[in-house]
Structures are given as C-alpha cells and as structure tokens.
Amino acid sequence: MIPRKYGPLLFSLILSGLMSLLVSGISTFRAIGLVTNFSNLWSSAWLTAWLFAFPSVLLVTPLARKAVQLLTAKD
C-alpha cells in the first residue's frame, strides 16, 4: 500500500492518465477514424499526452483550488 501522504500525487497521476486517455482517444478517432492500427496510434498519442498532462495537473491544481475558493460561498 502507498502511504496516505502520497494520495494527492496518486490522484493527480490517475486523473491525468484517465483524462488524457479519453481526450487522446476522441482526438485520434476524429483525426483518422477507425483504421486498422487505431489502437497503436491511440496508445502512442495517449502516452505523449500523459507526459504533458501529469505535470500540468500538478501545476494547475493549486490554482484551480484557489479559483474554487474564490467562486464559492463560505459556510
């Protein structure tokens, strides 16, 4: 098991992985359609996207949290 203190990092890894998987799949399908080697092209696009998505999520998360605090009412 991973220690709980690494939870936010693991969350960012999983979130960025799933979102980049979804977006790269849709983008690849729209760009080339359902061709014979679609899964190879999709996985290549996904891994490239994930390399950018994970650090981006780590950098943007504090800004997003701050924006949510500013845009929501206090209890």
PDB file of N, CA and C in Angstrom:
ATOM      1  N   MET A   1       0.832  -1.191   0.000  1.00  0.00           N
ATOM      2  CA  MET A   1       0.000   0.000   0.000  1.00  0.00           C
ATOM      3  C   MET A   1       0.874   1.252   0.000  1.00  0.00           C
ATOM      4  N   ILE A   2       0.350   2.259  -0.635  1.00  0.00           N
ATOM      5  CA  ILE A   2       1.033   3.553  -0.697  1.00  0.00           C
ATOM      6  C   ILE A   2       0.611   4.386   0.515  1.00  0.00           C
ATOM      7  N   PRO A   3       1.549   5.045   1.189  1.00  0.00           N
ATOM      8  CA  PRO A   3       1.182   5.890   2.332  1.00  0.00           C
ATOM      9  C   PRO A   3       0.196   6.994   1.928  1.00  0.00           C
ATOM     10  N   ARG A   4      -0.714   7.304   2.823  1.00  0.00           N
ATOM     11  CA  ARG A   4      -1.772   8.279   2.554  1.00  0.00           C
ATOM     12  C   ARG A   4      -1.221   9.649   2.152  1.00  0.00           C
ATOM     13  N   LYS A   5      -0.035   9.999   2.635  1.00  0.00           N
ATOM     14  CA  LYS A   5       0.512  11.325   2.310  1.00  0.00           C
ATOM     15  C   LYS A   5       0.776  11.478   0.810  1.00  0.00           C
ATOM     16  N   TYR A   6       0.871  10.369   0.092  1.00  0.00           N
ATOM     17  CA  TYR A   6       1.070  10.428  -1.360  1.00  0.00           C
ATOM     18  C   TYR A   6      -0.259  10.402  -2.116  1.00  0.00           C
ATOM     19  N   GLY A   7      -1.357  10.457  -1.405  1.00  0.00           N
ATOM     20  CA  GLY A   7      -2.680  10.423  -2.017  1.00  0.00           C
ATOM     21  C   GLY A   7      -2.895  11.491  -3.081  1.00  0.00           C
ATOM     22  N   PRO A   8      -2.582  12.766  -2.797  1.00  0.00           N
ATOM     23  CA  PRO A   8      -2.787  13.799  -3.829  1.00  0.00           C
ATOM     24  C   PRO A   8      -1.953  13.554  -5.095  1.00  0.00           C
ATOM     25  N   LEU A   9      -0.756  13.050  -4.934  1.00  0.00           N
ATOM     26  CA  LEU A   9       0.088  12.750  -6.091  1.00  0.00           C
ATOM     27  C   LEU A   9      -0.498  11.587  -6.889  1.00  0.00           C
ATOM     28  N   LEU A  10      -0.957  10.557  -6.201  1.00  0.00           N
ATOM     29  CA  LEU A  10      -1.579   9.411  -6.866  1.00  0.00           C
ATOM     30  C   LEU A  10      -2.873   9.828  -7.556  1.00  0.00           C
ATOM     31  N   PHE A  11      -3.663  10.671  -6.900  1.00  0.00           N
ATOM     32  CA  PHE A  11      -4.892  11.185  -7.504  1.00  0.00           C
ATOM     33  C   PHE A  11      -4.572  11.919  -8.803  1.00  0.00           C
ATOM     34  N   SER A  12      -3.558  12.768  -8.794  1.00  0.00           N
ATOM     35  CA  SER A  12      -3.171  13.510  -9.991  1.00  0.00           C
ATOM     36  C   SER A  12      -2.700  12.577 -11.099  1.00  0.00           C
ATOM     37  N   LEU A  13      -1.980  11.534 -10.730  1.00  0.00           N
ATOM     38  CA  LEU A  13      -1.497  10.564 -11.708  1.00  0.00           C
ATOM     39  C   LEU A  13      -2.667   9.842 -12.372  1.00  0.00           C
ATOM     40  N   ILE A  14      -3.612   9.375 -11.561  1.00  0.00           N
ATOM     41  CA  ILE A  14      -4.774   8.649 -12.086  1.00  0.00           C
ATOM     42  C   ILE A  14      -5.667   9.571 -12.906  1.00  0.00           C
ATOM     43  N   LEU A  15      -5.956  10.754 -12.380  1.00  0.00           N
ATOM     44  CA  LEU A  15      -6.812  11.701 -13.089  1.00  0.00           C
ATOM     45  C   LEU A  15      -6.214  12.086 -14.437  1.00  0.00           C
ATOM     46  N   SER A  16      -4.935  12.443 -14.457  1.00  0.00           N
ATOM     47  CA  SER A  16      -4.304  12.848 -15.711  1.00  0.00           C
ATOM     48  C   SER A  16      -4.242  11.678 -16.689  1.00  0.00           C
ATOM     49  N   GLY A  17      -4.031  10.482 -16.175  1.00  0.00           N
ATOM     50  CA  GLY A  17      -3.998   9.306 -17.043  1.00  0.00           C
ATOM     51  C   GLY A  17      -5.335   9.033 -17.700  1.00  0.00           C
ATOM     52  N   LEU A  18      -6.396   9.070 -16.917  1.00  0.00           N
ATOM     53  CA  LEU A  18      -7.725   8.798 -17.468  1.00  0.00           C
ATOM     54  C   LEU A  18      -8.202   9.904 -18.412  1.00  0.00           C
ATOM     55  N   MET A  19      -7.973  11.146 -18.034  1.00  0.00           N
ATOM     56  CA  MET A  19      -8.413  12.249 -18.892  1.00  0.00           C
ATOM     57  C   MET A  19      -7.628  12.276 -20.206  1.00  0.00           C
ATOM     58  N   SER A  20      -6.314  12.054 -20.146  1.00  0.00           N
ATOM     59  CA  SER A  20      -5.526  12.052 -21.378  1.00  0.00           C
ATOM     60  C   SER A  20      -5.885  10.846 -22.243  1.00  0.00           C
ATOM     61  N   LEU A  21      -6.232   9.721 -21.621  1.00  0.00           N
ATOM     62  CA  LEU A  21      -6.678   8.546 -22.372  1.00  0.00           C
ATOM     63  C   LEU A  21      -7.955   8.861 -23.145  1.00  0.00           C
ATOM     64  N   LEU A  22      -8.912   9.465 -22.478  1.00  0.00           N
ATOM     65  CA  LEU A  22     -10.183   9.808 -23.101  1.00  0.00           C
ATOM     66  C   LEU A  22     -10.016  10.844 -24.214  1.00  0.00           C
ATOM     67  N   VAL A  23      -9.336  11.926 -23.918  1.00  0.00           N
ATOM     68  CA  VAL A  23      -9.189  13.010 -24.894  1.00  0.00           C
ATOM     69  C   VAL A  23      -8.348  12.563 -26.089  1.00  0.00           C
ATOM     70  N   SER A  24      -7.274  11.825 -25.852  1.00  0.00           N
ATOM     71  CA  SER A  24      -6.449  11.373 -26.977  1.00  0.00           C
ATOM     72  C   SER A  24      -7.208  10.370 -27.836  1.00  0.00           C
ATOM     73  N   GLY A  25      -8.033   9.544 -27.218  1.00  0.00           N
ATOM     74  CA  GLY A  25      -8.848   8.600 -27.988  1.00  0.00           C
ATOM     75  C   GLY A  25      -9.842   9.301 -28.886  1.00  0.00           C
ATOM     76  N   ILE A  26     -10.538  10.282 -28.338  1.00  0.00           N
ATOM     77  CA  ILE A  26     -11.510  11.048 -29.135  1.00  0.00           C
ATOM     78  C   ILE A  26     -10.799  11.814 -30.241  1.00  0.00           C
ATOM     79  N   SER A  27      -9.695  12.456 -29.915  1.00  0.00           N
ATOM     80  CA  SER A  27      -8.952  13.233 -30.910  1.00  0.00           C
ATOM     81  C   SER A  27      -8.389  12.341 -32.017  1.00  0.00           C
ATOM     82  N   THR A  28      -7.847  11.206 -31.636  1.00  0.00           N
ATOM     83  CA  THR A  28      -7.300  10.281 -32.632  1.00  0.00           C
ATOM     84  C   THR A  28      -8.406   9.766 -33.536  1.00  0.00           C
ATOM     85  N   PHE A  29      -9.534   9.393 -32.960  1.00  0.00           N
ATOM     86  CA  PHE A  29     -10.662   8.901 -33.757  1.00  0.00           C
ATOM     87  C   PHE A  29     -11.161   9.965 -34.723  1.00  0.00           C
ATOM     88  N   ARG A  30     -11.290  11.197 -34.245  1.00  0.00           N
ATOM     89  CA  ARG A  30     -11.787  12.274 -35.125  1.00  0.00           C
ATOM     90  C   ARG A  30     -10.786  12.603 -36.225  1.00  0.00           C
ATOM     91  N   ALA A  31      -9.505  12.449 -35.950  1.00  0.00           N
ATOM     92  CA  ALA A  31      -8.484  12.799 -36.935  1.00  0.00           C
ATOM     93  C   ALA A  31      -8.319  11.735 -38.021  1.00  0.00           C
ATOM     94  N   ILE A  32      -8.379  10.446 -37.629  1.00  0.00           N
ATOM     95  CA  ILE A  32      -8.082   9.394 -38.609  1.00  0.00           C
ATOM     96  C   ILE A  32      -9.179   8.355 -38.783  1.00  0.00           C
ATOM     97  N   GLY A  33     -10.178   8.372 -37.905  1.00  0.00           N
ATOM     98  CA  GLY A  33     -11.234   7.376 -37.977  1.00  0.00           C
ATOM     99  C   GLY A  33     -10.777   6.050 -37.388  1.00  0.00           C
ATOM    100  N   LEU A  34     -11.588   5.040 -37.585  1.00  0.00           N
ATOM    101  CA  LEU A  34     -11.314   3.722 -37.015  1.00  0.00           C
ATOM    102  C   LEU A  34     -10.518   2.899 -38.026  1.00  0.00           C
ATOM    103  N   VAL A  35      -9.218   3.153 -38.091  1.00  0.00           N
ATOM    104  CA  VAL A  35      -8.336   2.462 -39.037  1.00  0.00           C
ATOM    105  C   VAL A  35      -7.763   1.202 -38.395  1.00  0.00           C
ATOM    106  N   THR A  36      -7.082   0.418 -39.201  1.00  0.00           N
ATOM    107  CA  THR A  36      -6.553  -0.872 -38.745  1.00  0.00           C
ATOM    108  C   THR A  36      -5.650  -0.749 -37.524  1.00  0.00           C
ATOM    109  N   ASN A  37      -4.737   0.190 -37.538  1.00  0.00           N
ATOM    110  CA  ASN A  37      -3.790   0.335 -36.426  1.00  0.00           C
ATOM    111  C   ASN A  37      -4.206   1.430 -35.439  1.00  0.00           C
ATOM    112  N   PHE A  38      -5.507   1.623 -35.273  1.00  0.00           N
ATOM    113  CA  PHE A  38      -6.032   2.666 -34.392  1.00  0.00           C
ATOM    114  C   PHE A  38      -5.491   2.535 -32.971  1.00  0.00           C
ATOM    115  N   SER A  39      -5.493   1.333 -32.421  1.00  0.00           N
ATOM    116  CA  SER A  39      -5.069   1.164 -31.026  1.00  0.00           C
ATOM    117  C   SER A  39      -3.593   1.535 -30.836  1.00  0.00           C
ATOM    118  N   ASN A  40      -2.749   1.227 -31.817  1.00  0.00           N
ATOM    119  CA  ASN A  40      -1.336   1.620 -31.720  1.00  0.00           C
ATOM    120  C   ASN A  40      -1.183   3.136 -31.766  1.00  0.00           C
ATOM    121  N   LEU A  41      -1.903   3.774 -32.673  1.00  0.00           N
ATOM    122  CA  LEU A  41      -1.841   5.233 -32.786  1.00  0.00           C
ATOM    123  C   LEU A  41      -2.395   5.899 -31.533  1.00  0.00           C
ATOM    124  N   TRP A  42      -3.499   5.351 -31.023  1.00  0.00           N
ATOM    125  CA  TRP A  42      -4.120   5.913 -29.818  1.00  0.00           C
ATOM    126  C   TRP A  42      -3.176   5.783 -28.620  1.00  0.00           C
ATOM    127  N   SER A  43      -2.588   4.613 -28.428  1.00  0.00           N
ATOM    128  CA  SER A  43      -1.714   4.433 -27.264  1.00  0.00           C
ATOM    129  C   SER A  43      -0.482   5.335 -27.354  1.00  0.00           C
ATOM    130  N   SER A  44       0.030   5.533 -28.544  1.00  0.00           N
ATOM    131  CA  SER A  44       1.168   6.438 -28.718  1.00  0.00           C
ATOM    132  C   SER A  44       0.770   7.874 -28.383  1.00  0.00           C
ATOM    133  N   ALA A  45      -0.389   8.294 -28.884  1.00  0.00           N
ATOM    134  CA  ALA A  45      -0.890   9.643 -28.600  1.00  0.00           C
ATOM    135  C   ALA A  45      -1.175   9.801 -27.107  1.00  0.00           C
ATOM    136  N   TRP A  46      -1.715   8.748 -26.488  1.00  0.00           N
ATOM    137  CA  TRP A  46      -2.051   8.812 -25.066  1.00  0.00           C
ATOM    138  C   TRP A  46      -0.804   8.976 -24.208  1.00  0.00           C
ATOM    139  N   LEU A  47       0.228   8.187 -24.479  1.00  0.00           N
ATOM    140  CA  LEU A  47       1.442   8.281 -23.668  1.00  0.00           C
ATOM    141  C   LEU A  47       2.097   9.654 -23.801  1.00  0.00           C
ATOM    142  N   THR A  48       2.090  10.194 -25.007  1.00  0.00           N
ATOM    143  CA  THR A  48       2.626  11.537 -25.207  1.00  0.00           C
ATOM    144  C   THR A  48       1.797  12.565 -24.442  1.00  0.00           C
ATOM    145  N   ALA A  49       0.488  12.440 -24.539  1.00  0.00           N
ATOM    146  CA  ALA A  49      -0.404  13.372 -23.835  1.00  0.00           C
ATOM    147  C   ALA A  49      -0.226  13.268 -22.319  1.00  0.00           C
ATOM    148  N   TRP A  50      -0.063  12.050 -21.822  1.00  0.00           N
ATOM    149  CA  TRP A  50       0.082  11.847 -20.378  1.00  0.00           C
ATOM    150  C   TRP A  50       1.376  12.466 -19.860  1.00  0.00           C
ATOM    151  N   LEU A  51       2.420  12.431 -20.669  1.00  0.00           N
ATOM    152  CA  LEU A  51       3.684  13.061 -20.269  1.00  0.00           C
ATOM    153  C   LEU A  51       3.515  14.553 -20.010  1.00  0.00           C
ATOM    154  N   PHE A  52       2.586  15.178 -20.723  1.00  0.00           N
ATOM    155  CA  PHE A  52       2.310  16.593 -20.522  1.00  0.00           C
ATOM    156  C   PHE A  52       1.198  16.817 -19.494  1.00  0.00           C
ATOM    157  N   ALA A  53       0.226  15.917 -19.463  1.00  0.00           N
ATOM    158  CA  ALA A  53      -0.935  16.090 -18.590  1.00  0.00           C
ATOM    159  C   ALA A  53      -0.580  15.982 -17.108  1.00  0.00           C
ATOM    160  N   PHE A  54       0.242  15.011 -16.743  1.00  0.00           N
ATOM    161  CA  PHE A  54       0.541  14.803 -15.331  1.00  0.00           C
ATOM    162  C   PHE A  54       1.231  16.011 -14.700  1.00  0.00           C
ATOM    163  N   PRO A  55       2.320  16.524 -15.278  1.00  0.00           N
ATOM    164  CA  PRO A  55       2.918  17.718 -14.669  1.00  0.00           C
ATOM    165  C   PRO A  55       1.988  18.927 -14.713  1.00  0.00           C
ATOM    166  N   SER A  56       1.166  18.998 -15.759  1.00  0.00           N
ATOM    167  CA  SER A  56       0.220  20.117 -15.857  1.00  0.00           C
ATOM    168  C   SER A  56      -0.782  20.081 -14.721  1.00  0.00           C
ATOM    169  N   VAL A  57      -1.296  18.893 -14.423  1.00  0.00           N
ATOM    170  CA  VAL A  57      -2.249  18.748 -13.310  1.00  0.00           C
ATOM    171  C   VAL A  57      -1.578  19.146 -12.001  1.00  0.00           C
ATOM    172  N   LEU A  58      -0.336  18.732 -11.807  1.00  0.00           N
ATOM    173  CA  LEU A  58       0.372  19.090 -10.581  1.00  0.00           C
ATOM    174  C   LEU A  58       0.540  20.606 -10.446  1.00  0.00           C
ATOM    175  N   LEU A  59       0.797  21.281 -11.560  1.00  0.00           N
ATOM    176  CA  LEU A  59       0.999  22.726 -11.524  1.00  0.00           C
ATOM    177  C   LEU A  59      -0.307  23.507 -11.414  1.00  0.00           C
ATOM    178  N   VAL A  60      -1.356  23.013 -12.031  1.00  0.00           N
ATOM    179  CA  VAL A  60      -2.618  23.754 -12.105  1.00  0.00           C
ATOM    180  C   VAL A  60      -3.513  23.507 -10.898  1.00  0.00           C
ATOM    181  N   THR A  61      -3.348  22.391 -10.217  1.00  0.00           N
ATOM    182  CA  THR A  61      -4.213  22.056  -9.080  1.00  0.00           C
ATOM    183  C   THR A  61      -4.299  23.168  -8.033  1.00  0.00           C
ATOM    184  N   PRO A  62      -3.190  23.750  -7.587  1.00  0.00           N
ATOM    185  CA  PRO A  62      -3.319  24.829  -6.590  1.00  0.00           C
ATOM    186  C   PRO A  62      -4.094  26.042  -7.124  1.00  0.00           C
ATOM    187  N   LEU A  63      -3.923  26.358  -8.399  1.00  0.00           N
ATOM    188  CA  LEU A  63      -4.668  27.473  -8.996  1.00  0.00           C
ATOM    189  C   LEU A  63      -6.155  27.159  -9.071  1.00  0.00           C
ATOM    190  N   ALA A  64      -6.481  25.931  -9.436  1.00  0.00           N
ATOM    191  CA  ALA A  64      -7.885  25.520  -9.506  1.00  0.00           C
ATOM    192  C   ALA A  64      -8.534  25.549  -8.131  1.00  0.00           C
ATOM    193  N   ARG A  65      -7.819  25.092  -7.116  1.00  0.00           N
ATOM    194  CA  ARG A  65      -8.359  25.124  -5.749  1.00  0.00           C
ATOM    195  C   ARG A  65      -8.628  26.558  -5.308  1.00  0.00           C
ATOM    196  N   LYS A  66      -7.706  27.446  -5.619  1.00  0.00           N
ATOM    197  CA  LYS A  66      -7.869  28.859  -5.258  1.00  0.00           C
ATOM    198  C   LYS A  66      -9.067  29.457  -5.995  1.00  0.00           C
ATOM    199  N   ALA A  67      -9.216  29.138  -7.265  1.00  0.00           N
ATOM    200  CA  ALA A  67     -10.354  29.639  -8.046  1.00  0.00           C
ATOM    201  C   ALA A  67     -11.671  29.148  -7.461  1.00  0.00           C
ATOM    202  N   VAL A  68     -11.714  27.883  -7.066  1.00  0.00           N
ATOM    203  CA  VAL A  68     -12.924  27.327  -6.457  1.00  0.00           C
ATOM    204  C   VAL A  68     -13.241  28.038  -5.153  1.00  0.00           C
ATOM    205  N   GLN A  69     -12.240  28.332  -4.345  1.00  0.00           N
ATOM    206  CA  GLN A  69     -12.461  29.050  -3.088  1.00  0.00           C
ATOM    207  C   GLN A  69     -13.026  30.432  -3.355  1.00  0.00           C
ATOM    208  N   LEU A  70     -12.532  31.101  -4.383  1.00  0.00           N
ATOM    209  CA  LEU A  70     -12.994  32.451  -4.703  1.00  0.00           C
ATOM    210  C   LEU A  70     -14.399  32.460  -5.299  1.00  0.00           C
ATOM    211  N   LEU A  71     -14.760  31.386  -5.985  1.00  0.00           N
ATOM    212  CA  LEU A  71     -16.039  31.341  -6.697  1.00  0.00           C
ATOM    213  C   LEU A  71     -17.176  30.702  -5.895  1.00  0.00           C
ATOM    214  N   THR A  72     -16.866  30.149  -4.742  1.00  0.00           N
ATOM    215  CA  THR A  72     -17.916  29.515  -3.935  1.00  0.00           C
ATOM    216  C   THR A  72     -18.143  30.286  -2.650  1.00  0.00           C
ATOM    217  N   ALA A  73     -19.363  30.144  -2.153  1.00  0.00           N
ATOM    218  CA  ALA A  73     -19.731  30.861  -0.921  1.00  0.00           C
ATOM    219  C   ALA A  73     -19.126  30.174   0.286  1.00  0.00           C
ATOM    220  N   LYS A  74     -18.823  30.989   1.283  1.00  0.00           N
ATOM    221  CA  LYS A  74     -18.312  30.450   2.551  1.00  0.00           C
ATOM    222  C   LYS A  74     -19.457  29.909   3.372  1.00  0.00           C
ATOM    223  N   ASP A  75     -19.175  28.876   4.150  1.00  0.00           N
ATOM    224  CA  ASP A  75     -20.223  28.274   5.002  1.00  0.00           C
ATOM    225  C   ASP A  75     -20.573  29.185   6.145  1.00  0.00           C
TER     226      ASP A  75
END
